[in-house]
C-alpha atoms as a PDB file:
ATOM      1  CA  MET A   1      28.406 288.520 104.646  1.00  0.00           C
ATOM      2  CA  GLN A   2      27.979 286.182 107.627  1.00  0.00           C
ATOM      3  CA  LEU A   3      31.004 284.458 109.168  1.00  0.00           C
ATOM      4  CA  TYR A   4      30.432 281.358 111.262  1.00  0.00           C
ATOM      5  CA  TRP A   5      33.364 280.975 113.593  1.00  0.00           C
ATOM      6  CA  ALA A   6      34.697 279.888 116.972  1.00  0.00           C
ATOM      7  CA  PRO A   7      37.704 281.083 118.955  1.00  0.00           C
ATOM      8  CA  LYS A   8      40.963 279.118 118.872  1.00  0.00           C
ATOM      9  CA  THR A   9      40.209 277.575 115.479  1.00  0.00           C
ATOM     10  CA  ARG A  10      41.148 278.234 111.871  1.00  0.00           C
ATOM     11  CA  SER A  11      38.472 280.936 111.988  1.00  0.00           C
ATOM     12  CA  LEU A  12      41.186 283.481 112.750  1.00  0.00           C
ATOM     13  CA  LYS A  13      42.255 283.196 109.095  1.00  0.00           C
ATOM     14  CA  ALA A  14      38.801 284.234 107.891  1.00  0.00           C
ATOM     15  CA  ILE A  15      38.502 287.081 110.393  1.00  0.00           C
ATOM     16  CA  TRP A  16      41.950 288.354 109.455  1.00  0.00           C
ATOM     17  CA  MET A  17      41.063 288.164 105.764  1.00  0.00           C
ATOM     18  CA  LEU A  18      37.790 289.994 106.282  1.00  0.00           C
ATOM     19  CA  GLU A  19      39.610 292.703 108.217  1.00  0.00           C
ATOM     20  CA  GLU A  20      42.153 293.037 105.385  1.00  0.00           C
ATOM     21  CA  SER A  21      39.347 293.205 102.803  1.00  0.00           C
ATOM     22  CA  GLY A  22      37.424 296.097 104.299  1.00  0.00           C
ATOM     23  CA  LEU A  23      34.157 294.258 103.654  1.00  0.00           C
ATOM     24  CA  THR A  24      31.274 294.534 106.088  1.00  0.00           C
ATOM     25  CA  TYR A  25      30.488 291.278 107.863  1.00  0.00           C
ATOM     26  CA  ASP A  26      28.618 289.844 110.815  1.00  0.00           C
ATOM     27  CA  LEU A  27      30.000 287.268 113.228  1.00  0.00           C
ATOM     28  CA  ASN A  28      28.027 284.177 114.191  1.00  0.00           C
ATOM     29  CA  ARG A  29      29.887 282.389 116.966  1.00  0.00           C
ATOM     30  CA  LEU A  30      29.274 278.674 117.290  1.00  0.00           C
ATOM     31  CA  ASN A  31      29.689 276.951 120.618  1.00  0.00           C
ATOM     32  CA  LEU A  32      31.676 273.893 119.590  1.00  0.00           C
ATOM     33  CA  GLU A  33      31.600 272.393 123.071  1.00  0.00           C
ATOM     34  CA  ALA A  34      27.788 272.453 122.962  1.00  0.00           C
ATOM     35  CA  GLY A  35      27.829 270.862 119.508  1.00  0.00           C
ATOM     36  CA  GLU A  36      26.230 273.772 117.638  1.00  0.00           C
ATOM     37  CA  GLN A  37      28.312 272.893 114.571  1.00  0.00           C
ATOM     38  CA  GLN A  38      26.343 269.625 114.365  1.00  0.00           C
ATOM     39  CA  SER A  39      22.966 271.327 114.002  1.00  0.00           C
ATOM     40  CA  THR A  40      20.929 270.674 110.877  1.00  0.00           C
ATOM     41  CA  ILE A  41      21.089 274.363 110.003  1.00  0.00           C
ATOM     42  CA  TYR A  42      24.881 274.533 110.191  1.00  0.00           C
ATOM     43  CA  ARG A  43      25.374 271.202 108.444  1.00  0.00           C
ATOM     44  CA  ALA A  44      23.530 272.734 105.468  1.00  0.00           C
ATOM     45  CA  ILE A  45      26.228 275.429 105.412  1.00  0.00           C
ATOM     46  CA  ASN A  46      29.195 273.125 106.005  1.00  0.00           C
ATOM     47  CA  PRO A  47      28.546 269.367 105.980  1.00  0.00           C
ATOM     48  CA  MET A  48      31.994 268.837 107.547  1.00  0.00           C
ATOM     49  CA  MET A  49      30.647 270.581 110.677  1.00  0.00           C
ATOM     50  CA  LYS A  50      33.798 272.663 111.030  1.00  0.00           C
ATOM     51  CA  VAL A  51      34.480 276.385 111.221  1.00  0.00           C
ATOM     52  CA  PRO A  52      34.933 278.767 109.563  1.00  0.00           C
ATOM     53  CA  ALA A  53      32.247 279.066 106.934  1.00  0.00           C
ATOM     54  CA  ILE A  54      30.601 282.054 105.306  1.00  0.00           C
ATOM     55  CA  ILE A  55      27.259 282.886 103.774  1.00  0.00           C
ATOM     56  CA  ASP A  56      27.070 285.767 101.330  1.00  0.00           C
ATOM     57  CA  GLY A  57      23.530 286.046 100.024  1.00  0.00           C
ATOM     58  CA  PRO A  58      22.849 282.703  98.330  1.00  0.00           C
ATOM     59  CA  VAL A  59      26.524 281.688  98.375  1.00  0.00           C
ATOM     60  CA  LYS A  60      27.867 279.324 101.034  1.00  0.00           C
ATOM     61  CA  VAL A  61      31.620 278.793 101.300  1.00  0.00           C
ATOM     62  CA  ALA A  62      33.575 276.463 103.585  1.00  0.00           C
ATOM     63  CA  GLU A  63      37.271 275.478 103.751  1.00  0.00           C
ATOM     64  CA  CYS A  64      39.784 278.195 104.561  1.00  0.00           C
ATOM     65  CA  GLY A  65      41.471 278.429 101.172  1.00  0.00           C
ATOM     66  CA  ALA A  66      38.122 278.757  99.420  1.00  0.00           C
ATOM     67  CA  ILE A  67      36.942 281.359 101.927  1.00  0.00           C
ATOM     68  CA  LEU A  68      40.096 283.438 101.487  1.00  0.00           C
ATOM     69  CA  ALA A  69      39.824 283.252  97.693  1.00  0.00           C
ATOM     70  CA  TYR A  70      36.139 284.190  97.780  1.00  0.00           C
ATOM     71  CA  ILE A  71      36.712 287.192 100.045  1.00  0.00           C
ATOM     72  CA  ALA A  72      39.597 288.398  97.858  1.00  0.00           C
ATOM     73  CA  GLU A  73      37.328 288.237  94.801  1.00  0.00           C
ATOM     74  CA  GLN A  74      34.564 290.161  96.601  1.00  0.00           C
ATOM     75  CA  ALA A  75      36.970 292.958  97.563  1.00  0.00           C
ATOM     76  CA  PRO A  76      38.994 293.759  94.423  1.00  0.00           C
ATOM     77  CA  ALA A  77      39.889 297.228  95.720  1.00  0.00           C
ATOM     78  CA  ALA A  78      41.836 295.626  98.588  1.00  0.00           C
ATOM     79  CA  LYS A  79      44.144 293.945  96.029  1.00  0.00           C
ATOM     80  CA  LEU A  80      44.440 290.721  98.017  1.00  0.00           C
ATOM     81  CA  ALA A  81      44.677 288.560  94.889  1.00  0.00           C
ATOM     82  CA  PRO A  82      46.535 289.032  91.623  1.00  0.00           C
ATOM     83  CA  GLY A  83      44.345 289.271  88.527  1.00  0.00           C
ATOM     84  CA  LEU A  84      43.566 286.285  86.343  1.00  0.00           C
ATOM     85  CA  ASP A  85      46.266 287.243  83.841  1.00  0.00           C
ATOM     86  CA  HIS A  86      48.890 288.342  86.381  1.00  0.00           C
ATOM     87  CA  PRO A  87      52.205 286.417  86.175  1.00  0.00           C
ATOM     88  CA  ARG A  88      52.025 285.590  89.912  1.00  0.00           C
ATOM     89  CA  ARG A  89      48.446 284.237  89.758  1.00  0.00           C
ATOM     90  CA  GLY A  90      49.681 280.642  89.674  1.00  0.00           C
ATOM     91  CA  ASP A  91      51.924 281.187  92.709  1.00  0.00           C
ATOM     92  CA  TYR A  92      49.034 282.793  94.567  1.00  0.00           C
ATOM     93  CA  LEU A  93      46.712 279.844  93.917  1.00  0.00           C
ATOM     94  CA  ARG A  94      49.416 277.343  94.793  1.00  0.00           C
ATOM     95  CA  TRP A  95      49.963 278.940  98.198  1.00  0.00           C
ATOM     96  CA  LEU A  96      46.232 278.997  98.971  1.00  0.00           C
ATOM     97  CA  PHE A  97      46.078 275.231  98.356  1.00  0.00           C
ATOM     98  CA  PHE A  98      49.526 274.569  99.851  1.00  0.00           C
ATOM     99  CA  SER A  99      48.228 275.606 103.255  1.00  0.00           C
ATOM    100  CA  ALA A 100      45.787 272.705 103.706  1.00  0.00           C
ATOM    101  CA  GLY A 101      47.340 270.293 101.221  1.00  0.00           C
ATOM    102  CA  CYS A 102      50.951 270.429 102.357  1.00  0.00           C
ATOM    103  CA  LEU A 103      51.599 272.577 105.433  1.00  0.00           C
ATOM    104  CA  GLU A 104      48.803 271.238 107.628  1.00  0.00           C
ATOM    105  CA  ALA A 105      49.614 267.698 106.490  1.00  0.00           C
ATOM    106  CA  ALA A 106      53.245 268.272 107.494  1.00  0.00           C
ATOM    107  CA  PHE A 107      52.033 269.404 110.919  1.00  0.00           C
ATOM    108  CA  VAL A 108      50.012 266.202 111.296  1.00  0.00           C
ATOM    109  CA  GLN A 109      53.011 264.138 110.237  1.00  0.00           C
ATOM    110  CA  THR A 110      55.144 265.907 112.846  1.00  0.00           C
ATOM    111  CA  PHE A 111      52.505 265.601 115.584  1.00  0.00           C
ATOM    112  CA  THR A 112      51.830 261.916 114.994  1.00  0.00           C
ATOM    113  CA  LYS A 113      55.363 260.924 113.956  1.00  0.00           C
ATOM    114  CA  LEU A 114      53.766 259.324 110.911  1.00  0.00           C
ATOM    115  CA  GLN A 115      56.281 257.439 108.798  1.00  0.00           C
ATOM    116  CA  MET A 116      55.579 257.060 105.115  1.00  0.00           C
ATOM    117  CA  PRO A 117      57.603 257.295 101.900  1.00  0.00           C
ATOM    118  CA  SER A 118      57.711 260.875 100.621  1.00  0.00           C
ATOM    119  CA  VAL A 119      56.766 259.686  97.132  1.00  0.00           C
ATOM    120  CA  SER A 120      53.487 258.365  98.588  1.00  0.00           C
ATOM    121  CA  ALA A 121      52.590 261.507 100.563  1.00  0.00           C
ATOM    122  CA  GLY A 122      50.843 264.309  98.713  1.00  0.00           C
ATOM    123  CA  TRP A 123      52.888 266.800 100.728  1.00  0.00           C
ATOM    124  CA  GLY A 124      56.205 265.008 100.168  1.00  0.00           C
ATOM    125  CA  ASP A 125      57.743 265.290 103.622  1.00  0.00           C
ATOM    126  CA  VAL A 126      58.062 267.808 106.429  1.00  0.00           C
ATOM    127  CA  GLU A 127      61.553 268.985 105.497  1.00  0.00           C
ATOM    128  CA  ARG A 128      60.579 269.594 101.879  1.00  0.00           C
ATOM    129  CA  VAL A 129      57.488 271.567 102.898  1.00  0.00           C
ATOM    130  CA  MET A 130      59.472 273.786 105.260  1.00  0.00           C
ATOM    131  CA  THR A 131      62.286 274.311 102.752  1.00  0.00           C
ATOM    132  CA  VAL A 132      59.853 275.303  99.987  1.00  0.00           C
ATOM    133  CA  ILE A 133      58.297 277.947 102.255  1.00  0.00           C
ATOM    134  CA  ASP A 134      61.692 279.107 103.526  1.00  0.00           C
ATOM    135  CA  ASP A 135      62.976 279.509  99.961  1.00  0.00           C
ATOM    136  CA  ALA A 136      59.850 281.442  98.926  1.00  0.00           C
ATOM    137  CA  LEU A 137      60.315 283.906 101.778  1.00  0.00           C
ATOM    138  CA  LYS A 138      63.930 284.732 100.894  1.00  0.00           C
ATOM    139  CA  ASP A 139      62.821 287.261  98.285  1.00  0.00           C
ATOM    140  CA  GLY A 140      59.972 288.597 100.516  1.00  0.00           C
ATOM    141  CA  PRO A 141      58.716 290.411 102.341  1.00  0.00           C
ATOM    142  CA  TRP A 142      55.628 288.457 101.211  1.00  0.00           C
ATOM    143  CA  LEU A 143      55.073 285.225  99.304  1.00  0.00           C
ATOM    144  CA  LEU A 144      54.385 287.226  96.140  1.00  0.00           C
ATOM    145  CA  GLY A 145      57.349 289.540  96.674  1.00  0.00           C
ATOM    146  CA  ASP A 146      56.357 293.091  97.583  1.00  0.00           C
ATOM    147  CA  ARG A 147      52.652 292.324  97.401  1.00  0.00           C
ATOM    148  CA  PHE A 148      50.695 291.107 100.433  1.00  0.00           C
ATOM    149  CA  SER A 149      47.872 288.740  99.445  1.00  0.00           C
ATOM    150  CA  ALA A 150      45.379 286.207 100.738  1.00  0.00           C
ATOM    151  CA  ALA A 151      48.176 283.662 100.353  1.00  0.00           C
ATOM    152  CA  ASP A 152      50.000 285.381 103.206  1.00  0.00           C
ATOM    153  CA  VAL A 153      46.900 285.132 105.380  1.00  0.00           C
ATOM    154  CA  ALA A 154      46.843 281.376 104.726  1.00  0.00           C
ATOM    155  CA  ILE A 155      50.533 280.586 105.142  1.00  0.00           C
ATOM    156  CA  GLY A 156      51.240 283.282 107.740  1.00  0.00           C
ATOM    157  CA  SER A 157      48.459 281.961 109.972  1.00  0.00           C
ATOM    158  CA  ASP A 158      49.677 278.391 109.640  1.00  0.00           C
ATOM    159  CA  LEU A 159      53.317 279.233 110.323  1.00  0.00           C
ATOM    160  CA  ARG A 160      52.298 281.207 113.395  1.00  0.00           C
ATOM    161  CA  PHE A 161      50.407 278.184 114.695  1.00  0.00           C
ATOM    162  CA  GLY A 162      53.271 275.828 113.911  1.00  0.00           C
ATOM    163  CA  VAL A 163      56.031 278.003 115.348  1.00  0.00           C
ATOM    164  CA  ASP A 164      54.420 280.057 118.126  1.00  0.00           C
ATOM    165  CA  ILE A 165      51.349 278.126 119.280  1.00  0.00           C
ATOM    166  CA  PHE A 166      52.054 274.414 118.772  1.00  0.00           C
ATOM    167  CA  LYS A 167      55.855 274.795 118.651  1.00  0.00           C
ATOM    168  CA  ILE A 168      56.140 271.849 116.285  1.00  0.00           C
ATOM    169  CA  ILE A 169      58.289 273.436 113.601  1.00  0.00           C
ATOM    170  CA  GLU A 170      61.705 274.988 113.791  1.00  0.00           C
ATOM    171  CA  PRO A 171      61.538 278.791 113.996  1.00  0.00           C
ATOM    172  CA  ARG A 172      63.822 279.405 111.020  1.00  0.00           C
ATOM    173  CA  PRO A 173      64.941 283.046 110.697  1.00  0.00           C
ATOM    174  CA  ASN A 174      62.796 283.635 107.581  1.00  0.00           C
ATOM    175  CA  PHE A 175      59.784 282.148 109.368  1.00  0.00           C
ATOM    176  CA  ARG A 176      60.279 284.316 112.447  1.00  0.00           C
ATOM    177  CA  ALA A 177      60.645 287.517 110.431  1.00  0.00           C
ATOM    178  CA  TYR A 178      57.625 286.638 108.262  1.00  0.00           C
ATOM    179  CA  ILE A 179      55.399 285.809 111.234  1.00  0.00           C
ATOM    180  CA  ASP A 180      56.417 289.086 112.854  1.00  0.00           C
ATOM    181  CA  ARG A 181      55.505 291.003 109.675  1.00  0.00           C
ATOM    182  CA  CYS A 182      52.139 289.231 109.499  1.00  0.00           C
ATOM    183  CA  THR A 183      51.227 289.777 113.139  1.00  0.00           C
ATOM    184  CA  ALA A 184      52.259 293.440 112.949  1.00  0.00           C
ATOM    185  CA  ARG A 185      49.580 294.136 110.341  1.00  0.00           C
ATOM    186  CA  PRO A 186      46.709 296.232 111.749  1.00  0.00           C
ATOM    187  CA  ALA A 187      44.121 293.850 110.259  1.00  0.00           C
ATOM    188  CA  PHE A 188      45.738 290.877 112.015  1.00  0.00           C
ATOM    189  CA  ARG A 189      45.724 292.737 115.322  1.00  0.00           C
ATOM    190  CA  ARG A 190      42.057 293.606 114.914  1.00  0.00           C
ATOM    191  CA  ALA A 191      41.277 289.980 114.085  1.00  0.00           C
ATOM    192  CA  GLN A 192      43.130 288.799 117.157  1.00  0.00           C
ATOM    193  CA  GLU A 193      41.203 291.269 119.326  1.00  0.00           C
ATOM    194  CA  ILE A 194      37.932 289.959 117.893  1.00  0.00           C
ATOM    195  CA  GLU A 195      38.971 286.392 118.589  1.00  0.00           C
ATOM    196  CA  MET A 196      40.066 287.180 122.145  1.00  0.00           C
ATOM    197  CA  ALA A 197      36.777 288.979 122.834  1.00  0.00           C
ATOM    198  CA  GLY A 198      34.916 285.901 121.606  1.00  0.00           C
END
């Protein structure tokens, strides 16, 4: 498996997930400042010209949620996704899509001070997004209860960015404890080391 990535991007999610999975992978760092993501070769992998993206044999996958889901499916022994008939499968899928569809949109709304009716916004509003996550973490330690999954890679990464890096969301107690649990995982620490070395 080939991971196309760049430091200080959403690529950390994919690296963390690969480290959790135990799969063998190669890193292909793109120099975003030099515009390598705009090359014809990379545009054939991800027409959005963003990182991360993966190639696994003939399969090309872009978008973080899709990458996390794909890696989880390729590493069933790591148990990073509930099975198709598992009662928490729907929750798992919702969180994978919630990351880009609601949480990142809430960040943009906060950053830009965008005003729009919550009934018109696909994410509702910032307060609703944060409350939904906060409520889900009350039964923790993970989004699926006792089971760590790719959903935690998605949401844990985003909350860390929102609370610790960008400082645009309130560090609610459940958020702080959850971020600390995520960043204490050996696979996260390895991913962070890889990113820092890059």
